[in-house]
Amino acid sequence: MKNKIKIFLTGHRGLVGSSIFKLLKKKGYQKIITIEKKELDLRNQKQTLDFFKKIRPHAVINAAAKVGGINANEVNAANFIYDNIMIQTNVIQSCLVTKVKNLVFLGSSCVYPKFSIQPIKENYLLGGKLEKTNEAMAVAKISGIKMCEYYNQQFNKQYKCLMPSNIYGPNDNYNLKTSHFFPALIKKIYLAKKKKLKKVEIWGTGKPKRELLFVDDLANACLFFLFKKTKYSLINIGSGREKSITKYAEIISKKLNYKCKFIYNKKYPDGTPRKLLNINLSKKLGWKPKINLSKGLDITLEEFFKKNGRI
């Protein structure tokens, strides 16, 4: 059966997409369709629909998105809202036109209100004001969530929006200007050890709490829910555990065996105080995370050392 199923995976070069691709191969799927960004601009409606008509996939996992950390989101808000709305709209609509029944669309925990009750349940969506620094990304992803919900209702589809917490793992973005906080901390502490610096800068106060999920756990969730029939279109995917930014920095420092002092650059915003997802629904449906932070960080660092060298 797996030999006959054509799965179109967008964003296969990214952090999440590359992990999903690896898992699909491991599970024996042979008809995995991917295409380079330079060959297909998913922001282009005609190009996207023409490609769907050509390949006629049975299922789609949309891991393509414009992503970045707090600074990138704030500085490039227009790009974030445009690119993400265009990509997801074209993919979802093309799924409908070419009669794709099963779709997994990846969201972001930034869609939930800034001061949401913790842990955050799926029905808290649109229950309050968003965090301003990543509002553009949040608005874009919310439109995708609602689009899937309405398409399921009107056209009897199984389009699921998986809402992950902060993701980390091999093939992450370590650019200090555009990366998320966790890979940025890895890079900063690594460079501090390499250059024998005694201080490492953390943006903001270091007090906000974040929930991390290893990328392979998210890949497993994508495949688990792709063909699963459910009435739920929005499903949180997380580890169920949170720590402060400073605590994560301490954990990385210990893994790298390097003691340093953390200094806080408060000209950068903290963002949302907490973003702990309630994952009771995903557990109820049969999925749960398997890789803890210590193991996930070990795997992540091994890949980082291969590209940057050990110290």
C-alpha atoms as a PDB file:
ATOM      1  CA  MET A   1       0.000   0.000   0.000  1.00  0.00           C
ATOM      2  CA  LYS A   2       2.809   2.431   0.938  1.00  0.00           C
ATOM      3  CA  ASN A   3       4.394   1.893  -2.485  1.00  0.00           C
ATOM      4  CA  LYS A   4       1.280   3.330  -4.147  1.00  0.00           C
ATOM      5  CA  ILE A   5       0.681   6.388  -1.931  1.00  0.00           C
ATOM      6  CA  LYS A   6       2.038   9.638  -3.349  1.00  0.00           C
ATOM      7  CA  ILE A   7       2.870  12.121  -0.587  1.00  0.00           C
ATOM      8  CA  PHE A   8       3.820  15.673  -1.524  1.00  0.00           C
ATOM      9  CA  LEU A   9       6.100  17.153   1.122  1.00  0.00           C
ATOM     10  CA  THR A  10       6.736  20.885   0.923  1.00  0.00           C
ATOM     11  CA  GLY A  11       9.677  22.522   2.680  1.00  0.00           C
ATOM     12  CA  HIS A  12      11.719  19.317   2.638  1.00  0.00           C
ATOM     13  CA  ARG A  13      15.020  21.171   3.076  1.00  0.00           C
ATOM     14  CA  GLY A  14      14.049  22.864   6.354  1.00  0.00           C
ATOM     15  CA  LEU A  15      14.372  21.772   9.964  1.00  0.00           C
ATOM     16  CA  VAL A  16      10.968  20.062  10.117  1.00  0.00           C
ATOM     17  CA  GLY A  17      10.688  19.046   6.469  1.00  0.00           C
ATOM     18  CA  SER A  18      14.034  17.234   6.406  1.00  0.00           C
ATOM     19  CA  SER A  19      13.049  15.241   9.497  1.00  0.00           C
ATOM     20  CA  ILE A  20       9.682  14.298   7.945  1.00  0.00           C
ATOM     21  CA  PHE A  21      11.398  13.233   4.715  1.00  0.00           C
ATOM     22  CA  LYS A  22      13.826  11.019   6.641  1.00  0.00           C
ATOM     23  CA  LEU A  23      10.935   9.406   8.554  1.00  0.00           C
ATOM     24  CA  LEU A  24       8.861   8.767   5.429  1.00  0.00           C
ATOM     25  CA  LYS A  25      11.821   6.981   3.838  1.00  0.00           C
ATOM     26  CA  LYS A  26      12.391   4.964   7.009  1.00  0.00           C
ATOM     27  CA  LYS A  27       8.721   3.921   7.082  1.00  0.00           C
ATOM     28  CA  GLY A  28       8.918   2.606   3.526  1.00  0.00           C
ATOM     29  CA  TYR A  29       7.100   5.296   1.560  1.00  0.00           C
ATOM     30  CA  GLN A  30       8.606   5.295  -1.934  1.00  0.00           C
ATOM     31  CA  LYS A  31       6.553   7.931  -3.709  1.00  0.00           C
ATOM     32  CA  ILE A  32       7.627  11.005  -1.746  1.00  0.00           C
ATOM     33  CA  ILE A  33       7.348  14.067  -3.954  1.00  0.00           C
ATOM     34  CA  THR A  34       9.589  17.042  -3.229  1.00  0.00           C
ATOM     35  CA  ILE A  35      10.674  20.034  -5.274  1.00  0.00           C
ATOM     36  CA  GLU A  36      13.258  22.772  -4.809  1.00  0.00           C
ATOM     37  CA  LYS A  37      12.134  26.297  -4.003  1.00  0.00           C
ATOM     38  CA  LYS A  38      13.827  27.661  -7.129  1.00  0.00           C
ATOM     39  CA  GLU A  39      11.744  25.293  -9.273  1.00  0.00           C
ATOM     40  CA  LEU A  40       8.379  25.987  -7.636  1.00  0.00           C
ATOM     41  CA  ASP A  41       7.372  29.198  -5.889  1.00  0.00           C
ATOM     42  CA  LEU A  42       4.499  28.172  -3.627  1.00  0.00           C
ATOM     43  CA  ARG A  43       3.562  31.849  -3.316  1.00  0.00           C
ATOM     44  CA  ASN A  44       2.523  31.701  -6.982  1.00  0.00           C
ATOM     45  CA  GLN A  45      -1.038  30.413  -7.313  1.00  0.00           C
ATOM     46  CA  LYS A  46      -0.818  29.235 -10.927  1.00  0.00           C
ATOM     47  CA  GLN A  47       2.542  27.521 -10.503  1.00  0.00           C
ATOM     48  CA  THR A  48       1.338  25.720  -7.392  1.00  0.00           C
ATOM     49  CA  LEU A  49      -1.962  24.535  -8.868  1.00  0.00           C
ATOM     50  CA  ASP A  50      -0.295  23.441 -12.122  1.00  0.00           C
ATOM     51  CA  PHE A  51       2.217  21.386 -10.140  1.00  0.00           C
ATOM     52  CA  PHE A  52      -0.546  19.732  -8.106  1.00  0.00           C
ATOM     53  CA  LYS A  53      -2.440  18.870 -11.294  1.00  0.00           C
ATOM     54  CA  LYS A  54       0.723  17.354 -12.706  1.00  0.00           C
ATOM     55  CA  ILE A  55       1.656  15.173  -9.706  1.00  0.00           C
ATOM     56  CA  ARG A  56      -1.841  14.400  -8.335  1.00  0.00           C
ATOM     57  CA  PRO A  57      -0.761  13.547  -4.758  1.00  0.00           C
ATOM     58  CA  HIS A  58      -2.829  11.343  -2.461  1.00  0.00           C
ATOM     59  CA  ALA A  59      -1.740  13.278   0.639  1.00  0.00           C
ATOM     60  CA  VAL A  60       0.172  16.465   1.456  1.00  0.00           C
ATOM     61  CA  ILE A  61       2.352  17.595   4.366  1.00  0.00           C
ATOM     62  CA  ASN A  62       2.915  21.337   4.240  1.00  0.00           C
ATOM     63  CA  ALA A  63       6.164  22.087   6.082  1.00  0.00           C
ATOM     64  CA  ALA A  64       6.960  25.103   3.914  1.00  0.00           C
ATOM     65  CA  ALA A  65       6.850  28.453   5.689  1.00  0.00           C
ATOM     66  CA  LYS A  66       8.808  31.619   6.298  1.00  0.00           C
ATOM     67  CA  VAL A  67      10.056  31.280   9.871  1.00  0.00           C
ATOM     68  CA  GLY A  68      12.427  33.098  12.202  1.00  0.00           C
ATOM     69  CA  GLY A  69      13.077  34.324  15.693  1.00  0.00           C
ATOM     70  CA  ILE A  70      11.625  37.289  17.555  1.00  0.00           C
ATOM     71  CA  ASN A  71      13.814  39.870  15.797  1.00  0.00           C
ATOM     72  CA  ALA A  72      13.223  38.485  12.296  1.00  0.00           C
ATOM     73  CA  ASN A  73       9.458  38.412  12.898  1.00  0.00           C
ATOM     74  CA  GLU A  74       9.368  42.014  14.069  1.00  0.00           C
ATOM     75  CA  VAL A  75      11.679  43.514  11.434  1.00  0.00           C
ATOM     76  CA  ASN A  76      10.191  41.592   8.476  1.00  0.00           C
ATOM     77  CA  ALA A  77       6.525  41.507   9.468  1.00  0.00           C
ATOM     78  CA  ALA A  78       5.271  42.293   5.952  1.00  0.00           C
ATOM     79  CA  ASN A  79       7.277  39.419   4.449  1.00  0.00           C
ATOM     80  CA  PHE A  80       6.078  37.026   7.142  1.00  0.00           C
ATOM     81  CA  ILE A  81       2.394  37.736   6.650  1.00  0.00           C
ATOM     82  CA  TYR A  82       2.547  37.790   2.838  1.00  0.00           C
ATOM     83  CA  ASP A  83       4.761  34.747   2.268  1.00  0.00           C
ATOM     84  CA  ASN A  84       2.971  32.517   4.766  1.00  0.00           C
ATOM     85  CA  ILE A  85      -0.556  33.443   3.699  1.00  0.00           C
ATOM     86  CA  MET A  86       0.294  32.906   0.036  1.00  0.00           C
ATOM     87  CA  ILE A  87       2.100  29.584   0.574  1.00  0.00           C
ATOM     88  CA  GLN A  88      -0.559  27.997   2.766  1.00  0.00           C
ATOM     89  CA  THR A  89      -3.521  29.359   0.792  1.00  0.00           C
ATOM     90  CA  ASN A  90      -2.156  28.049  -2.498  1.00  0.00           C
ATOM     91  CA  VAL A  91      -1.319  24.644  -1.021  1.00  0.00           C
ATOM     92  CA  ILE A  92      -4.687  24.199   0.723  1.00  0.00           C
ATOM     93  CA  GLN A  93      -6.698  25.371  -2.303  1.00  0.00           C
ATOM     94  CA  SER A  94      -4.658  23.169  -4.645  1.00  0.00           C
ATOM     95  CA  CYS A  95      -5.385  20.217  -2.351  1.00  0.00           C
ATOM     96  CA  LEU A  96      -9.091  20.947  -2.716  1.00  0.00           C
ATOM     97  CA  VAL A  97      -9.013  21.350  -6.503  1.00  0.00           C
ATOM     98  CA  THR A  98      -7.039  18.140  -7.047  1.00  0.00           C
ATOM     99  CA  LYS A  99      -9.200  16.223  -4.545  1.00  0.00           C
ATOM    100  CA  VAL A 100      -6.554  15.583  -1.891  1.00  0.00           C
ATOM    101  CA  LYS A 101      -8.409  14.307   1.157  1.00  0.00           C
ATOM    102  CA  ASN A 102      -5.561  14.236   3.712  1.00  0.00           C
ATOM    103  CA  LEU A 103      -3.423  17.265   4.518  1.00  0.00           C
ATOM    104  CA  VAL A 104      -1.225  18.193   7.477  1.00  0.00           C
ATOM    105  CA  PHE A 105      -0.622  21.921   7.828  1.00  0.00           C
ATOM    106  CA  LEU A 106       1.926  23.065  10.400  1.00  0.00           C
ATOM    107  CA  GLY A 107       1.106  26.075  12.520  1.00  0.00           C
ATOM    108  CA  SER A 108       2.933  27.849  15.332  1.00  0.00           C
ATOM    109  CA  SER A 109       2.188  28.304  19.023  1.00  0.00           C
ATOM    110  CA  CYS A 110       2.398  32.072  18.466  1.00  0.00           C
ATOM    111  CA  VAL A 111      -1.220  31.896  17.230  1.00  0.00           C
ATOM    112  CA  TYR A 112      -2.467  31.799  20.813  1.00  0.00           C
ATOM    113  CA  PRO A 113      -3.122  34.929  22.918  1.00  0.00           C
ATOM    114  CA  LYS A 114      -0.101  36.528  24.602  1.00  0.00           C
ATOM    115  CA  PHE A 115      -1.531  36.115  28.084  1.00  0.00           C
ATOM    116  CA  SER A 116      -3.369  32.848  27.530  1.00  0.00           C
ATOM    117  CA  ILE A 117      -4.307  30.565  30.421  1.00  0.00           C
ATOM    118  CA  GLN A 118      -1.619  27.888  30.851  1.00  0.00           C
ATOM    119  CA  PRO A 119      -1.349  25.205  29.599  1.00  0.00           C
ATOM    120  CA  ILE A 120      -2.930  26.419  26.358  1.00  0.00           C
ATOM    121  CA  LYS A 121      -5.876  24.458  24.984  1.00  0.00           C
ATOM    122  CA  GLU A 122      -6.840  24.473  21.320  1.00  0.00           C
ATOM    123  CA  ASN A 123     -10.105  26.313  22.015  1.00  0.00           C
ATOM    124  CA  TYR A 124      -8.200  29.296  23.440  1.00  0.00           C
ATOM    125  CA  LEU A 125      -7.494  30.385  19.856  1.00  0.00           C
ATOM    126  CA  LEU A 126      -8.755  33.948  19.201  1.00  0.00           C
ATOM    127  CA  GLY A 127      -9.439  34.367  22.917  1.00  0.00           C
ATOM    128  CA  GLY A 128      -7.263  37.458  23.386  1.00  0.00           C
ATOM    129  CA  LYS A 129      -4.633  39.795  21.962  1.00  0.00           C
ATOM    130  CA  LEU A 130      -1.587  38.376  20.216  1.00  0.00           C
ATOM    131  CA  GLU A 131       2.049  39.069  21.052  1.00  0.00           C
ATOM    132  CA  LYS A 132       2.956  42.119  18.950  1.00  0.00           C
ATOM    133  CA  THR A 133       6.453  41.007  17.911  1.00  0.00           C
ATOM    134  CA  ASN A 134       5.175  37.963  15.983  1.00  0.00           C
ATOM    135  CA  GLU A 135       1.646  39.129  15.240  1.00  0.00           C
ATOM    136  CA  ALA A 136       2.178  38.951  11.462  1.00  0.00           C
ATOM    137  CA  MET A 137       3.168  35.302  11.600  1.00  0.00           C
ATOM    138  CA  ALA A 138       0.322  34.531  14.006  1.00  0.00           C
ATOM    139  CA  VAL A 139      -2.337  36.191  11.828  1.00  0.00           C
ATOM    140  CA  ALA A 140      -1.072  34.290   8.780  1.00  0.00           C
ATOM    141  CA  LYS A 141      -1.145  30.934  10.559  1.00  0.00           C
ATOM    142  CA  ILE A 142      -4.584  31.612  12.075  1.00  0.00           C
ATOM    143  CA  SER A 143      -5.954  32.183   8.575  1.00  0.00           C
ATOM    144  CA  GLY A 144      -4.555  28.771   7.575  1.00  0.00           C
ATOM    145  CA  ILE A 145      -6.094  27.102  10.624  1.00  0.00           C
ATOM    146  CA  LYS A 146      -9.498  28.558   9.868  1.00  0.00           C
ATOM    147  CA  MET A 147      -9.200  27.770   6.171  1.00  0.00           C
ATOM    148  CA  CYS A 148      -8.618  24.092   6.989  1.00  0.00           C
ATOM    149  CA  GLU A 149     -11.491  24.107   9.486  1.00  0.00           C
ATOM    150  CA  TYR A 150     -13.955  25.567   6.973  1.00  0.00           C
ATOM    151  CA  TYR A 151     -12.790  23.304   4.141  1.00  0.00           C
ATOM    152  CA  ASN A 152     -13.308  20.271   6.386  1.00  0.00           C
ATOM    153  CA  GLN A 153     -16.833  21.452   7.196  1.00  0.00           C
ATOM    154  CA  GLN A 154     -17.871  22.396   3.681  1.00  0.00           C
ATOM    155  CA  PHE A 155     -16.016  19.815   1.575  1.00  0.00           C
ATOM    156  CA  ASN A 156     -15.715  16.845   3.978  1.00  0.00           C
ATOM    157  CA  LYS A 157     -11.920  16.875   4.057  1.00  0.00           C
ATOM    158  CA  GLN A 158      -9.374  15.692   6.628  1.00  0.00           C
ATOM    159  CA  TYR A 159      -7.154  18.783   6.719  1.00  0.00           C
ATOM    160  CA  LYS A 160      -5.396  18.905  10.099  1.00  0.00           C
ATOM    161  CA  CYS A 161      -3.489  21.806  11.620  1.00  0.00           C
ATOM    162  CA  LEU A 162      -0.782  20.569  13.966  1.00  0.00           C
ATOM    163  CA  MET A 163       0.233  23.296  16.395  1.00  0.00           C
ATOM    164  CA  PRO A 164       3.786  22.606  17.609  1.00  0.00           C
ATOM    165  CA  SER A 165       5.672  24.247  20.447  1.00  0.00           C
ATOM    166  CA  ASN A 166       9.221  25.553  19.806  1.00  0.00           C
ATOM    167  CA  ILE A 167      11.056  22.998  17.646  1.00  0.00           C
ATOM    168  CA  TYR A 168      14.771  22.192  17.744  1.00  0.00           C
ATOM    169  CA  GLY A 169      17.066  19.565  16.259  1.00  0.00           C
ATOM    170  CA  PRO A 170      19.457  18.761  13.400  1.00  0.00           C
ATOM    171  CA  ASN A 171      19.411  21.088  10.387  1.00  0.00           C
ATOM    172  CA  ASP A 172      18.318  24.089  12.462  1.00  0.00           C
ATOM    173  CA  ASN A 173      19.041  27.725  11.602  1.00  0.00           C
ATOM    174  CA  TYR A 174      21.979  29.078  13.625  1.00  0.00           C
ATOM    175  CA  ASN A 175      22.067  32.558  12.108  1.00  0.00           C
ATOM    176  CA  LEU A 176      22.100  34.804  15.176  1.00  0.00           C
ATOM    177  CA  LYS A 177      20.036  37.498  13.425  1.00  0.00           C
ATOM    178  CA  THR A 178      17.187  35.263  12.281  1.00  0.00           C
ATOM    179  CA  SER A 179      17.231  32.082  14.390  1.00  0.00           C
ATOM    180  CA  HIS A 180      14.934  31.036  17.215  1.00  0.00           C
ATOM    181  CA  PHE A 181      16.209  31.347  20.776  1.00  0.00           C
ATOM    182  CA  PHE A 182      17.442  27.763  21.304  1.00  0.00           C
ATOM    183  CA  PRO A 183      19.789  27.406  18.305  1.00  0.00           C
ATOM    184  CA  ALA A 184      20.955  30.970  19.001  1.00  0.00           C
ATOM    185  CA  LEU A 185      21.931  29.961  22.537  1.00  0.00           C
ATOM    186  CA  ILE A 186      23.809  26.899  21.227  1.00  0.00           C
ATOM    187  CA  LYS A 187      25.749  29.048  18.761  1.00  0.00           C
ATOM    188  CA  LYS A 188      26.525  31.802  21.301  1.00  0.00           C
ATOM    189  CA  ILE A 189      27.770  29.444  24.012  1.00  0.00           C
ATOM    190  CA  TYR A 190      29.761  27.410  21.474  1.00  0.00           C
ATOM    191  CA  LEU A 191      31.461  30.566  20.171  1.00  0.00           C
ATOM    192  CA  ALA A 192      32.104  31.772  23.718  1.00  0.00           C
ATOM    193  CA  LYS A 193      33.943  28.533  24.505  1.00  0.00           C
ATOM    194  CA  LYS A 194      35.838  28.648  21.220  1.00  0.00           C
ATOM    195  CA  LYS A 195      36.954  32.258  21.775  1.00  0.00           C
ATOM    196  CA  LYS A 196      37.357  31.787  25.557  1.00  0.00           C
ATOM    197  CA  LEU A 197      34.824  34.498  26.346  1.00  0.00           C
ATOM    198  CA  LYS A 198      33.447  34.621  29.874  1.00  0.00           C
ATOM    199  CA  LYS A 199      30.142  36.316  29.035  1.00  0.00           C
ATOM    200  CA  VAL A 200      27.246  35.292  26.800  1.00  0.00           C
ATOM    201  CA  GLU A 201      24.481  37.724  25.827  1.00  0.00           C
ATOM    202  CA  ILE A 202      20.851  36.666  26.138  1.00  0.00           C
ATOM    203  CA  TRP A 203      18.184  38.784  24.486  1.00  0.00           C
ATOM    204  CA  GLY A 204      15.556  40.096  26.908  1.00  0.00           C
ATOM    205  CA  THR A 205      15.434  39.202  30.600  1.00  0.00           C
ATOM    206  CA  GLY A 206      15.844  35.431  30.259  1.00  0.00           C
ATOM    207  CA  LYS A 207      12.693  34.934  32.327  1.00  0.00           C
ATOM    208  CA  PRO A 208      10.118  33.894  29.687  1.00  0.00           C
ATOM    209  CA  LYS A 209       9.321  30.183  29.722  1.00  0.00           C
ATOM    210  CA  ARG A 210       9.301  28.083  26.575  1.00  0.00           C
ATOM    211  CA  GLU A 211       8.326  24.535  25.705  1.00  0.00           C
ATOM    212  CA  LEU A 212      10.705  22.633  23.430  1.00  0.00           C
ATOM    213  CA  LEU A 213       9.931  19.637  21.210  1.00  0.00           C
ATOM    214  CA  PHE A 214      12.549  17.618  19.355  1.00  0.00           C
ATOM    215  CA  VAL A 215      11.984  17.787  15.604  1.00  0.00           C
ATOM    216  CA  ASP A 216      11.747  14.003  15.129  1.00  0.00           C
ATOM    217  CA  ASP A 217       8.817  13.925  17.551  1.00  0.00           C
ATOM    218  CA  LEU A 218       7.008  16.471  15.381  1.00  0.00           C
ATOM    219  CA  ALA A 219       7.798  14.434  12.271  1.00  0.00           C
ATOM    220  CA  ASN A 220       6.259  11.400  13.961  1.00  0.00           C
ATOM    221  CA  ALA A 221       3.159  13.444  14.800  1.00  0.00           C
ATOM    222  CA  CYS A 222       2.808  14.560  11.176  1.00  0.00           C
ATOM    223  CA  LEU A 223       2.838  10.992   9.884  1.00  0.00           C
ATOM    224  CA  PHE A 224       0.657   9.749  12.743  1.00  0.00           C
ATOM    225  CA  PHE A 225      -2.106  12.278  12.022  1.00  0.00           C
ATOM    226  CA  LEU A 226      -1.789  12.420   8.208  1.00  0.00           C
ATOM    227  CA  PHE A 227      -4.175   9.521   7.561  1.00  0.00           C
ATOM    228  CA  LYS A 228      -5.933   9.486  10.924  1.00  0.00           C
ATOM    229  CA  LYS A 229      -9.624  10.261  10.679  1.00  0.00           C
ATOM    230  CA  THR A 230     -10.696  12.731  13.344  1.00  0.00           C
ATOM    231  CA  LYS A 231     -13.264  15.483  13.851  1.00  0.00           C
ATOM    232  CA  TYR A 232     -10.530  17.775  15.208  1.00  0.00           C
ATOM    233  CA  SER A 233      -8.836  20.130  12.760  1.00  0.00           C
ATOM    234  CA  LEU A 234      -6.561  21.844  15.315  1.00  0.00           C
ATOM    235  CA  ILE A 235      -4.273  19.687  17.476  1.00  0.00           C
ATOM    236  CA  ASN A 236      -1.500  20.833  19.807  1.00  0.00           C
ATOM    237  CA  ILE A 237       1.831  18.993  19.544  1.00  0.00           C
ATOM    238  CA  GLY A 238       4.339  19.515  22.341  1.00  0.00           C
ATOM    239  CA  SER A 239       6.465  17.966  25.058  1.00  0.00           C
ATOM    240  CA  GLY A 240       4.312  19.173  27.945  1.00  0.00           C
ATOM    241  CA  ARG A 241       7.371  20.651  29.700  1.00  0.00           C
ATOM    242  CA  GLU A 242       8.668  24.210  29.931  1.00  0.00           C
ATOM    243  CA  LYS A 243      11.778  25.989  31.219  1.00  0.00           C
ATOM    244  CA  SER A 244      12.998  29.585  31.316  1.00  0.00           C
ATOM    245  CA  ILE A 245      15.340  30.897  28.616  1.00  0.00           C
ATOM    246  CA  THR A 246      18.078  31.186  31.251  1.00  0.00           C
ATOM    247  CA  LYS A 247      17.574  27.568  32.336  1.00  0.00           C
ATOM    248  CA  TYR A 248      17.962  26.380  28.740  1.00  0.00           C
ATOM    249  CA  ALA A 249      21.178  28.406  28.488  1.00  0.00           C
ATOM    250  CA  GLU A 250      22.479  26.709  31.642  1.00  0.00           C
ATOM    251  CA  ILE A 251      21.644  23.259  30.251  1.00  0.00           C
ATOM    252  CA  ILE A 252      23.483  23.987  26.980  1.00  0.00           C
ATOM    253  CA  SER A 253      26.449  25.406  28.892  1.00  0.00           C
ATOM    254  CA  LYS A 254      26.677  22.224  30.949  1.00  0.00           C
ATOM    255  CA  LYS A 255      26.422  20.011  27.832  1.00  0.00           C
ATOM    256  CA  LEU A 256      29.251  21.994  26.225  1.00  0.00           C
ATOM    257  CA  ASN A 257      31.215  21.800  29.476  1.00  0.00           C
ATOM    258  CA  TYR A 258      31.777  25.545  29.608  1.00  0.00           C
ATOM    259  CA  LYS A 259      31.054  27.899  32.479  1.00  0.00           C
ATOM    260  CA  CYS A 260      30.154  31.450  31.534  1.00  0.00           C
ATOM    261  CA  LYS A 261      28.209  34.389  32.854  1.00  0.00           C
ATOM    262  CA  PHE A 262      24.938  35.337  31.196  1.00  0.00           C
ATOM    263  CA  ILE A 263      24.269  39.020  30.592  1.00  0.00           C
ATOM    264  CA  TYR A 264      20.854  40.253  29.525  1.00  0.00           C
ATOM    265  CA  ASN A 265      20.271  42.716  26.686  1.00  0.00           C
ATOM    266  CA  LYS A 266      16.950  44.234  27.658  1.00  0.00           C
ATOM    267  CA  LYS A 267      16.654  46.356  24.527  1.00  0.00           C
ATOM    268  CA  TYR A 268      15.218  43.195  22.970  1.00  0.00           C
ATOM    269  CA  PRO A 269      11.657  42.213  23.957  1.00  0.00           C
ATOM    270  CA  ASP A 270      10.817  39.089  25.923  1.00  0.00           C
ATOM    271  CA  GLY A 271       7.815  38.218  23.804  1.00  0.00           C
ATOM    272  CA  THR A 272       5.086  36.036  25.285  1.00  0.00           C
ATOM    273  CA  PRO A 273       5.746  35.253  28.987  1.00  0.00           C
ATOM    274  CA  ARG A 274       4.737  31.584  28.690  1.00  0.00           C
ATOM    275  CA  LYS A 275       3.683  29.267  25.845  1.00  0.00           C
ATOM    276  CA  LEU A 276       3.034  25.855  27.367  1.00  0.00           C
ATOM    277  CA  LEU A 277       0.669  23.804  25.222  1.00  0.00           C
ATOM    278  CA  ASN A 278      -1.987  21.496  26.600  1.00  0.00           C
ATOM    279  CA  ILE A 279      -1.352  18.226  24.724  1.00  0.00           C
ATOM    280  CA  ASN A 280      -4.190  16.187  26.235  1.00  0.00           C
ATOM    281  CA  LEU A 281      -6.012  16.017  22.900  1.00  0.00           C
ATOM    282  CA  SER A 282      -3.045  14.612  20.959  1.00  0.00           C
ATOM    283  CA  LYS A 283      -2.459  12.064  23.734  1.00  0.00           C
ATOM    284  CA  LYS A 284      -6.155  11.133  23.696  1.00  0.00           C
ATOM    285  CA  LEU A 285      -5.883  10.522  19.959  1.00  0.00           C
ATOM    286  CA  GLY A 286      -2.891   8.226  20.485  1.00  0.00           C
ATOM    287  CA  TRP A 287       0.236  10.367  20.013  1.00  0.00           C
ATOM    288  CA  LYS A 288       2.821  11.365  22.596  1.00  0.00           C
ATOM    289  CA  PRO A 289       6.427  12.635  22.484  1.00  0.00           C
ATOM    290  CA  LYS A 290       9.264  10.140  22.967  1.00  0.00           C
ATOM    291  CA  ILE A 291      12.544  12.083  22.979  1.00  0.00           C
ATOM    292  CA  ASN A 292      13.489  14.037  26.105  1.00  0.00           C
ATOM    293  CA  LEU A 293      15.519  17.246  26.106  1.00  0.00           C
ATOM    294  CA  SER A 294      18.810  15.649  27.144  1.00  0.00           C
ATOM    295  CA  LYS A 295      18.735  13.074  24.333  1.00  0.00           C
ATOM    296  CA  GLY A 296      17.442  15.553  21.785  1.00  0.00           C
ATOM    297  CA  LEU A 297      20.148  18.063  22.655  1.00  0.00           C
ATOM    298  CA  ASP A 298      22.854  15.391  22.368  1.00  0.00           C
ATOM    299  CA  ILE A 299      21.658  14.536  18.833  1.00  0.00           C
ATOM    300  CA  THR A 300      21.436  18.223  17.927  1.00  0.00           C
ATOM    301  CA  LEU A 301      24.938  18.994  19.185  1.00  0.00           C
ATOM    302  CA  GLU A 302      26.446  16.034  17.318  1.00  0.00           C
ATOM    303  CA  GLU A 303      25.076  17.407  14.054  1.00  0.00           C
ATOM    304  CA  PHE A 304      26.239  20.924  14.992  1.00  0.00           C
ATOM    305  CA  PHE A 305      29.787  19.655  15.693  1.00  0.00           C
ATOM    306  CA  LYS A 306      29.933  17.889  12.317  1.00  0.00           C
ATOM    307  CA  LYS A 307      29.403  21.235  10.591  1.00  0.00           C
ATOM    308  CA  ASN A 308      31.304  23.517  12.962  1.00  0.00           C
ATOM    309  CA  GLY A 309      33.927  21.308  14.614  1.00  0.00           C
ATOM    310  CA  ARG A 310      34.405  20.174  18.186  1.00  0.00           C
ATOM    311  CA  ILE A 311      36.062  22.330  20.824  1.00  0.00           C
END
